[in-house]
Amino acid sequence: MVVTGASPDVLTRAPASIPGASDPRPPVDVEAPDQGDQDSDQSLYLIGRPPLKDFLRFVKNHGVNPPGQAALTDAWQAAREVVRRLEAEEAGVADAPPIGKLGPEYEPLLIEFLKDPLVHYGFNTVPTEVAIVELDRMVVYQEHIDVTHSRRLEQKLDAIPSRTELFRTCLPYDHPQPPVKWSRVSQGKFVFVSPSNDLRLLGPMALRPGELKDAPGGNLVGVAGVSVGFGSNFMNAIYAEQRLILNNGSHRAFTLRQMGVTHVPCIVQHVSSRDELEVVASSAVRRNPDLYLKHARPPMLKDYFNPQLRMVMPVHRRLRQVTVRIEVEEDFVPAL
């Protein structure tokens, strides 16, 4: 990682300076349930970009007393017109965003951060640096934001976060684990459940007999397993084709911008080809890279704060579930 140079003089400014928002708090665009309702949250959805069917499906499946399909379609079409206007007025706004180097005042925090094994294991594929990035210039692929979760994050921060608090919020070193439960529900089926959206499949793994404390009966040869857990939770972005795409940390980026923070520390992965992009980017970016890298006006983080490009609505509270099924086949094949 390369970290040199000076950081910006100002990392925060008054919340009223957030572009496109008349109120520093997200407006509730659909009537919210009673405050005492413990089974619903507030969700923000970016509208105005295809496909409309995904938005309608999201509202139908998750919305609490949502508007009718005609009203939702009208709102989407109106936002689509705003998107077309922005394509002309802000063409190229996402190109070549500045990436500032961390100054010496960050050195103690950086030394502590670089000791984390997750940094070395998770960011060793392409050239990487820890840098200062401008939130409003970042391209985003996440269509919806959990506003309720964002408010909980904001309550944990000072009204004007210090540099230390910003650094440790964006690049946490302690990795607190969200609540999670898991159990074996049948012979070859395991279910993991958590309120955190970060619960995920980490990948397959192989263990040798000597690596197990309690081995099952029989003459053990090896164990093929599937690991489930949480990601590194570092705010990170991909710099590709002169675009900076927010790859992880959408809720923290939204929360900090909501509070008036304009620049944040971030891990930046420099991608030089579409092949490398296939390795480090999210599935959404991999499916449609031209939308984020070639479109004159891609979806950007500042769009979350434009009332014409979003709908905030109450949604049913959900838990994240990961199901692992183990299937074993035993057979004989002809000898060679």
Protein backbone atom coordinates (compact mmCIF):
# COMPACT_ATOMS: atom_id res chain seq x y z
CA MET A 1 0.00 0.00 0.00
CA VAL A 2 1.21 3.48 -0.84
CA VAL A 3 0.30 6.28 1.57
CA THR A 4 2.08 9.62 1.18
CA GLY A 5 1.31 13.30 0.84
CA ALA A 6 -1.05 15.60 2.69
CA SER A 7 -4.71 15.15 3.54
CA PRO A 8 -7.40 17.77 2.81
CA ASP A 9 -7.64 20.60 5.35
CA VAL A 10 -11.38 20.15 5.79
CA LEU A 11 -13.09 16.78 6.14
CA THR A 12 -16.46 17.98 7.42
CA ARG A 13 -18.87 20.80 6.82
CA ALA A 14 -22.35 21.77 7.97
CA PRO A 15 -25.11 19.25 7.10
CA ALA A 16 -27.04 21.99 5.29
CA SER A 17 -24.43 21.89 2.52
CA ILE A 18 -25.51 18.45 1.33
CA PRO A 19 -26.39 18.93 -2.36
CA GLY A 20 -29.89 18.25 -3.57
CA ALA A 21 -31.48 17.94 -0.13
CA SER A 22 -33.70 20.65 1.29
CA ASP A 23 -33.72 18.88 4.65
CA PRO A 24 -30.58 17.22 6.06
CA ARG A 25 -32.75 14.28 7.14
CA PRO A 26 -34.21 11.93 4.51
CA PRO A 27 -37.89 12.85 3.99
CA VAL A 28 -40.48 10.11 4.49
CA ASP A 29 -42.08 9.87 1.05
CA VAL A 30 -44.55 7.14 1.98
CA GLU A 31 -46.58 7.33 5.18
CA ALA A 32 -44.70 5.64 8.01
CA PRO A 33 -46.33 3.25 10.49
CA ASP A 34 -46.70 4.10 14.14
CA GLN A 35 -43.42 4.79 15.91
CA GLY A 36 -44.16 1.91 18.22
CA ASP A 37 -44.11 -0.58 15.33
CA GLN A 38 -41.11 -2.82 16.03
CA ASP A 39 -41.54 -4.85 12.83
CA SER A 40 -40.76 -2.15 10.27
CA ASP A 41 -37.83 -0.03 9.15
CA GLN A 42 -37.35 2.90 6.81
CA SER A 43 -35.77 2.14 3.47
CA LEU A 44 -34.55 4.50 0.74
CA TYR A 45 -34.72 3.31 -2.88
CA LEU A 46 -33.10 5.04 -5.85
CA ILE A 47 -35.65 5.36 -8.64
CA GLY A 48 -35.60 6.55 -12.23
CA ARG A 49 -33.24 4.02 -13.75
CA PRO A 50 -34.29 0.76 -15.42
CA PRO A 51 -35.55 -1.77 -14.66
CA LEU A 52 -38.84 -0.53 -13.28
CA LYS A 53 -39.92 -4.12 -12.55
CA ASP A 54 -37.21 -4.47 -9.87
CA PHE A 55 -38.52 -1.41 -8.03
CA LEU A 56 -42.12 -2.60 -8.20
CA ARG A 57 -41.08 -6.06 -6.99
CA PHE A 58 -39.12 -4.57 -4.07
CA VAL A 59 -42.07 -2.45 -2.93
CA LYS A 60 -44.54 -5.31 -3.35
CA ASN A 61 -42.42 -7.77 -1.40
CA HIS A 62 -41.14 -5.47 1.36
CA GLY A 63 -43.29 -2.33 1.60
CA VAL A 64 -45.70 -1.68 4.48
CA ASN A 65 -49.01 -0.46 3.00
CA PRO A 66 -47.31 0.72 -0.23
CA PRO A 67 -48.95 2.95 -2.85
CA GLY A 68 -50.58 1.34 -5.87
CA GLN A 69 -48.57 0.27 -8.88
CA ALA A 70 -49.82 3.21 -10.97
CA ALA A 71 -48.59 5.76 -8.41
CA LEU A 72 -45.24 3.99 -8.10
CA THR A 73 -44.86 3.90 -11.88
CA ASP A 74 -45.65 7.63 -12.14
CA ALA A 75 -43.00 8.42 -9.52
CA TRP A 76 -40.50 6.25 -11.35
CA GLN A 77 -41.22 7.89 -14.71
CA ALA A 78 -40.85 11.36 -13.20
CA ALA A 79 -37.49 10.34 -11.76
CA ARG A 80 -36.52 8.93 -15.14
CA GLU A 81 -36.98 12.38 -16.66
CA VAL A 82 -34.66 13.82 -13.99
CA VAL A 83 -32.08 11.16 -14.85
CA ARG A 84 -32.26 12.12 -18.55
CA ARG A 85 -31.72 15.76 -17.65
CA LEU A 86 -28.74 14.91 -15.47
CA GLU A 87 -27.26 12.86 -18.30
CA ALA A 88 -26.98 16.10 -20.27
CA GLU A 89 -26.27 18.57 -17.47
CA GLU A 90 -23.77 16.45 -15.53
CA ALA A 91 -22.18 14.36 -18.26
CA GLY A 92 -18.73 13.32 -17.11
CA VAL A 93 -19.23 14.40 -13.48
CA ALA A 94 -18.02 10.99 -12.28
CA ASP A 95 -14.84 11.07 -14.35
CA ALA A 96 -11.39 11.37 -12.77
CA PRO A 97 -12.41 12.03 -9.15
CA PRO A 98 -9.56 13.29 -6.93
CA ILE A 99 -7.91 10.72 -4.67
CA GLY A 100 -6.03 12.42 -1.83
CA LYS A 101 -3.10 10.89 0.01
CA LEU A 102 -3.17 10.49 3.77
CA GLY A 103 -1.05 12.97 5.65
CA PRO A 104 1.40 12.23 8.51
CA GLU A 105 -1.29 12.93 11.12
CA TYR A 106 -2.83 9.58 10.12
CA GLU A 107 0.38 7.56 10.57
CA PRO A 108 -0.40 6.09 14.05
CA LEU A 109 -3.86 5.02 12.91
CA LEU A 110 -2.50 3.60 9.69
CA ILE A 111 0.19 1.58 11.45
CA GLU A 112 -2.46 0.08 13.74
CA PHE A 113 -4.75 -0.61 10.77
CA LEU A 114 -2.11 -2.33 8.64
CA LYS A 115 -1.51 -4.91 11.39
CA ASP A 116 -4.97 -6.35 10.70
CA PRO A 117 -4.62 -9.71 8.87
CA LEU A 118 -7.86 -9.02 7.01
CA VAL A 119 -6.13 -6.15 5.19
CA HIS A 120 -3.43 -8.44 3.83
CA TYR A 121 -5.71 -11.37 3.04
CA GLY A 122 -8.53 -9.35 1.52
CA PHE A 123 -6.72 -6.73 -0.53
CA ASN A 124 -3.75 -8.40 -2.18
CA THR A 125 -5.12 -8.99 -5.68
CA VAL A 126 -4.61 -5.57 -7.32
CA PRO A 127 -2.57 -2.47 -6.39
CA THR A 128 -4.18 -0.93 -3.32
CA GLU A 129 -3.82 2.20 -1.20
CA VAL A 130 -5.51 3.86 1.74
CA ALA A 131 -6.58 7.31 0.59
CA ILE A 132 -8.99 10.20 1.11
CA VAL A 133 -11.94 10.19 -1.30
CA GLU A 134 -14.78 12.63 -1.97
CA LEU A 135 -18.14 11.01 -1.26
CA ASP A 136 -20.15 13.02 -3.79
CA ARG A 137 -17.91 11.86 -6.65
CA MET A 138 -18.37 8.16 -5.97
CA VAL A 139 -20.38 5.88 -8.25
CA VAL A 140 -22.78 3.52 -6.44
CA TYR A 141 -24.50 0.29 -7.41
CA GLN A 142 -26.61 -0.27 -4.27
CA GLU A 143 -30.17 0.77 -5.06
CA HIS A 144 -31.55 0.88 -1.55
CA ILE A 145 -30.35 2.10 1.85
CA ASP A 146 -31.64 1.00 5.25
CA VAL A 147 -32.37 4.43 6.73
CA THR A 148 -33.17 2.97 10.16
CA HIS A 149 -29.76 1.33 10.30
CA SER A 150 -28.17 4.58 9.14
CA ARG A 151 -29.76 6.47 12.02
CA ARG A 152 -28.40 3.91 14.49
CA LEU A 153 -24.94 4.43 13.03
CA GLU A 154 -25.29 8.20 13.34
CA GLN A 155 -26.24 7.94 17.02
CA LYS A 156 -22.88 6.28 17.73
CA LEU A 157 -20.88 9.18 16.25
CA ASP A 158 -20.11 12.67 17.46
CA ALA A 159 -22.00 15.47 15.73
CA ILE A 160 -18.74 16.48 14.04
CA PRO A 161 -16.55 13.36 13.95
CA SER A 162 -12.84 13.81 14.57
CA ARG A 163 -10.27 12.47 12.11
CA THR A 164 -9.66 9.52 14.43
CA GLU A 165 -13.36 8.71 14.66
CA LEU A 166 -13.75 9.01 10.88
CA PHE A 167 -10.81 6.72 10.25
CA ARG A 168 -12.00 4.05 12.66
CA THR A 169 -15.58 4.28 11.38
CA CYS A 170 -14.50 3.77 7.77
CA LEU A 171 -11.65 1.36 8.51
CA PRO A 172 -12.53 -0.43 11.77
CA TYR A 173 -9.83 -2.43 13.45
CA ASP A 174 -11.86 -4.22 16.14
CA HIS A 175 -14.43 -5.95 13.86
CA PRO A 176 -17.34 -6.26 16.33
CA GLN A 177 -19.50 -9.20 15.29
CA PRO A 178 -23.22 -8.56 14.77
CA PRO A 179 -25.70 -10.96 16.40
CA VAL A 180 -25.94 -14.29 14.58
CA LYS A 181 -27.51 -17.68 15.24
CA TRP A 182 -27.06 -20.89 13.34
CA SER A 183 -28.23 -24.46 13.65
CA ARG A 184 -28.39 -27.75 11.86
CA VAL A 185 -31.98 -28.18 10.72
CA SER A 186 -31.65 -31.55 8.96
CA GLN A 187 -29.06 -34.17 8.10
CA GLY A 188 -27.25 -32.05 5.53
CA LYS A 189 -28.74 -28.58 5.98
CA PHE A 190 -27.48 -25.70 8.13
CA VAL A 191 -29.14 -22.28 8.51
CA PHE A 192 -27.40 -19.06 9.60
CA VAL A 193 -29.49 -15.98 10.52
CA SER A 194 -28.47 -12.42 11.41
CA PRO A 195 -29.98 -8.91 11.29
CA SER A 196 -26.79 -7.80 9.49
CA ASN A 197 -26.83 -7.62 5.70
CA ASP A 198 -23.14 -8.47 5.80
CA LEU A 199 -23.69 -12.13 6.65
CA ARG A 200 -22.39 -14.09 3.68
CA LEU A 201 -20.75 -17.19 2.29
CA LEU A 202 -17.00 -16.75 2.76
CA GLY A 203 -16.08 -19.75 0.65
CA PRO A 204 -15.22 -23.45 0.73
CA MET A 205 -12.43 -24.75 2.91
CA ALA A 206 -10.56 -27.99 3.50
CA LEU A 207 -9.30 -29.23 6.88
CA ARG A 208 -6.85 -32.01 7.67
CA PRO A 209 -7.38 -34.42 10.57
CA GLY A 210 -4.71 -32.73 12.70
CA GLU A 211 -6.53 -29.39 12.44
CA LEU A 212 -9.64 -30.67 14.21
CA LYS A 213 -10.04 -30.83 17.97
CA ASP A 214 -13.04 -33.15 17.90
CA ALA A 215 -13.07 -35.45 14.88
CA PRO A 216 -16.10 -37.61 14.07
CA GLY A 217 -15.90 -41.39 14.33
CA GLY A 218 -13.96 -43.37 11.78
CA ASN A 219 -10.51 -43.14 10.25
CA LEU A 220 -10.67 -39.51 9.19
CA VAL A 221 -9.03 -38.53 5.89
CA GLY A 222 -10.11 -34.90 5.58
CA VAL A 223 -13.00 -32.46 5.97
CA ALA A 224 -14.59 -30.42 3.19
CA GLY A 225 -16.46 -27.47 4.66
CA VAL A 226 -18.18 -24.21 3.83
CA SER A 227 -17.35 -21.08 5.83
CA VAL A 228 -20.04 -18.52 6.65
CA GLY A 229 -19.41 -15.21 8.38
CA PHE A 230 -18.99 -11.49 7.90
CA GLY A 231 -16.77 -9.54 5.53
CA SER A 232 -13.88 -7.31 6.54
CA ASN A 233 -16.31 -4.36 6.79
CA PHE A 234 -13.73 -1.89 5.50
CA MET A 235 -15.02 0.98 3.38
CA ASN A 236 -13.43 0.27 0.02
CA ALA A 237 -13.76 1.48 -3.53
CA ILE A 238 -12.60 0.36 -6.96
CA TYR A 239 -10.83 2.83 -9.23
CA ALA A 240 -11.33 1.65 -12.81
CA GLU A 241 -11.39 3.51 -16.11
CA GLN A 242 -11.22 6.84 -14.25
CA ARG A 243 -14.29 6.05 -12.15
CA LEU A 244 -14.42 5.46 -8.39
CA ILE A 245 -17.04 2.84 -7.51
CA LEU A 246 -18.04 2.35 -3.88
CA ASN A 247 -17.54 -1.38 -3.36
CA ASN A 248 -18.36 -1.74 0.35
CA GLY A 249 -19.54 0.57 3.14
CA SER A 250 -22.62 2.11 1.52
CA HIS A 251 -24.47 2.70 4.80
CA ARG A 252 -21.49 4.36 6.47
CA ALA A 253 -20.88 6.51 3.41
CA PHE A 254 -24.55 7.54 3.38
CA THR A 255 -24.57 8.22 7.12
CA LEU A 256 -21.40 10.31 7.08
CA ARG A 257 -22.56 12.35 4.08
CA GLN A 258 -25.88 12.82 5.83
CA MET A 259 -23.96 14.30 8.76
CA GLY A 260 -22.10 16.71 6.49
CA VAL A 261 -18.86 14.77 5.99
CA THR A 262 -17.56 15.28 2.46
CA HIS A 263 -14.26 13.34 2.43
CA VAL A 264 -13.43 10.03 4.12
CA PRO A 265 -10.55 7.55 4.45
CA CYS A 266 -11.09 4.57 2.18
CA ILE A 267 -9.28 1.56 0.77
CA VAL A 268 -8.93 2.11 -2.99
CA GLN A 269 -8.25 -0.84 -5.29
CA HIS A 270 -6.77 0.19 -8.64
CA VAL A 271 -8.11 -1.99 -11.44
CA SER A 272 -6.37 -1.89 -14.83
CA SER A 273 -8.56 -4.28 -16.85
CA ARG A 274 -12.03 -5.78 -17.06
CA ASP A 275 -10.48 -9.12 -16.12
CA GLU A 276 -9.33 -7.68 -12.79
CA LEU A 277 -12.74 -6.06 -12.36
CA GLU A 278 -14.31 -9.52 -12.61
CA VAL A 279 -12.23 -10.60 -9.63
CA VAL A 280 -12.68 -7.70 -7.18
CA ALA A 281 -16.01 -6.06 -8.11
CA SER A 282 -19.50 -6.84 -6.80
CA SER A 283 -21.87 -9.00 -8.81
CA ALA A 284 -23.96 -5.95 -9.76
CA VAL A 285 -20.95 -4.23 -11.33
CA ARG A 286 -19.80 -7.41 -13.04
CA ARG A 287 -23.23 -7.89 -14.63
CA ASN A 288 -23.35 -4.42 -16.18
CA PRO A 289 -19.91 -2.74 -16.01
CA ASP A 290 -20.66 -0.18 -18.74
CA LEU A 291 -23.42 1.40 -16.65
CA TYR A 292 -20.88 2.29 -13.96
CA LEU A 293 -17.76 2.84 -16.07
CA LYS A 294 -18.98 4.21 -19.42
CA HIS A 295 -22.36 5.87 -18.84
CA ALA A 296 -22.16 9.67 -19.09
CA ARG A 297 -23.99 10.06 -15.75
CA PRO A 298 -23.97 6.86 -13.68
CA PRO A 299 -25.78 6.49 -10.33
CA MET A 300 -23.78 8.38 -7.70
CA LEU A 301 -23.81 8.61 -3.92
CA LYS A 302 -25.14 12.16 -4.01
CA ASP A 303 -28.30 10.81 -5.70
CA TYR A 304 -29.38 9.34 -2.35
CA PHE A 305 -29.94 12.94 -1.20
CA ASN A 306 -31.92 14.13 -4.23
CA PRO A 307 -35.65 13.94 -3.36
CA GLN A 308 -36.45 13.62 -7.09
CA LEU A 309 -34.40 10.44 -7.42
CA ARG A 310 -35.47 8.47 -4.38
CA MET A 311 -38.42 7.12 -2.50
CA VAL A 312 -38.26 6.57 1.26
CA MET A 313 -40.79 4.08 2.56
CA PRO A 314 -41.53 1.85 5.55
CA VAL A 315 -40.59 -1.78 4.92
CA HIS A 316 -41.04 -4.97 6.88
CA ARG A 317 -38.03 -5.74 9.05
CA ARG A 318 -35.97 -8.60 7.67
CA LEU A 319 -33.24 -10.95 8.79
CA ARG A 320 -30.43 -12.14 6.56
CA GLN A 321 -30.42 -15.92 6.12
CA VAL A 322 -27.69 -18.09 4.61
CA THR A 323 -28.55 -21.74 4.01
CA VAL A 324 -25.85 -24.35 3.46
CA ARG A 325 -26.78 -27.77 2.04
CA ILE A 326 -24.34 -30.66 1.95
CA GLU A 327 -24.95 -33.32 -0.69
CA VAL A 328 -22.87 -36.48 -0.77
CA GLU A 329 -22.78 -39.05 -3.57
CA GLU A 330 -21.23 -42.48 -3.06
CA ASP A 331 -20.82 -44.69 -6.11
CA PHE A 332 -18.52 -47.11 -7.94
CA VAL A 333 -16.90 -46.35 -11.30
CA PRO A 334 -15.09 -48.68 -13.67
CA ALA A 335 -11.38 -49.08 -12.95
CA LEU A 336 -8.91 -47.67 -15.47
